[in-house]
Amino acid sequence: QLQLVESGGGLVQPGGSLRLSCTASGYTLNYHAIGWFRQAPGKEREGVACMSDLGTSTKYLDSVRGRFTISRDNAKNTVYLQMMNLKPEDTAVYSCAVDSRRGPPFRHNARCGPNDFDYWGQGTQVDVSS
């Protein structure tokens, strides 16, 4: 049974940085697509950053491109989201997600819609405020 546990959230001032981590247990993340999503109160869940199964392709939400970076450490079975120059509008619950589909065949392009993933973590709160 796959479990995903996020950590690293918290309160940060505008312009600050945070690194979120998502560690998987009961499952290896090798060759699985991964993603980070967020949901703010009253808003739909949106894909923030996603990576393809081989890690060769990434996709970012326009508003975070250049500020956020998704990465993975397969040896640690962990996914990261480095967030820099945070803005108040980045405030949300951030969740990691995994696509249970495992290649081959592998997908060349990252997908970043909620329906592209079927395992979800509980989420970690990120608050950006002065």
Foldseek 3Di string as FASTA:
>chain_A
DKAKAKDWADEAAQQAKIKMKIAIPPDFLAQWKKFKWWDDPPDDIWTAKIAWNNRQEMDGDPVQPPFWDWDDDRVRRMIMIIGGRDDQVVWTWMKMFIAPDGDVVTDPYTDGDPVNTDDMHPTDTHGYHD
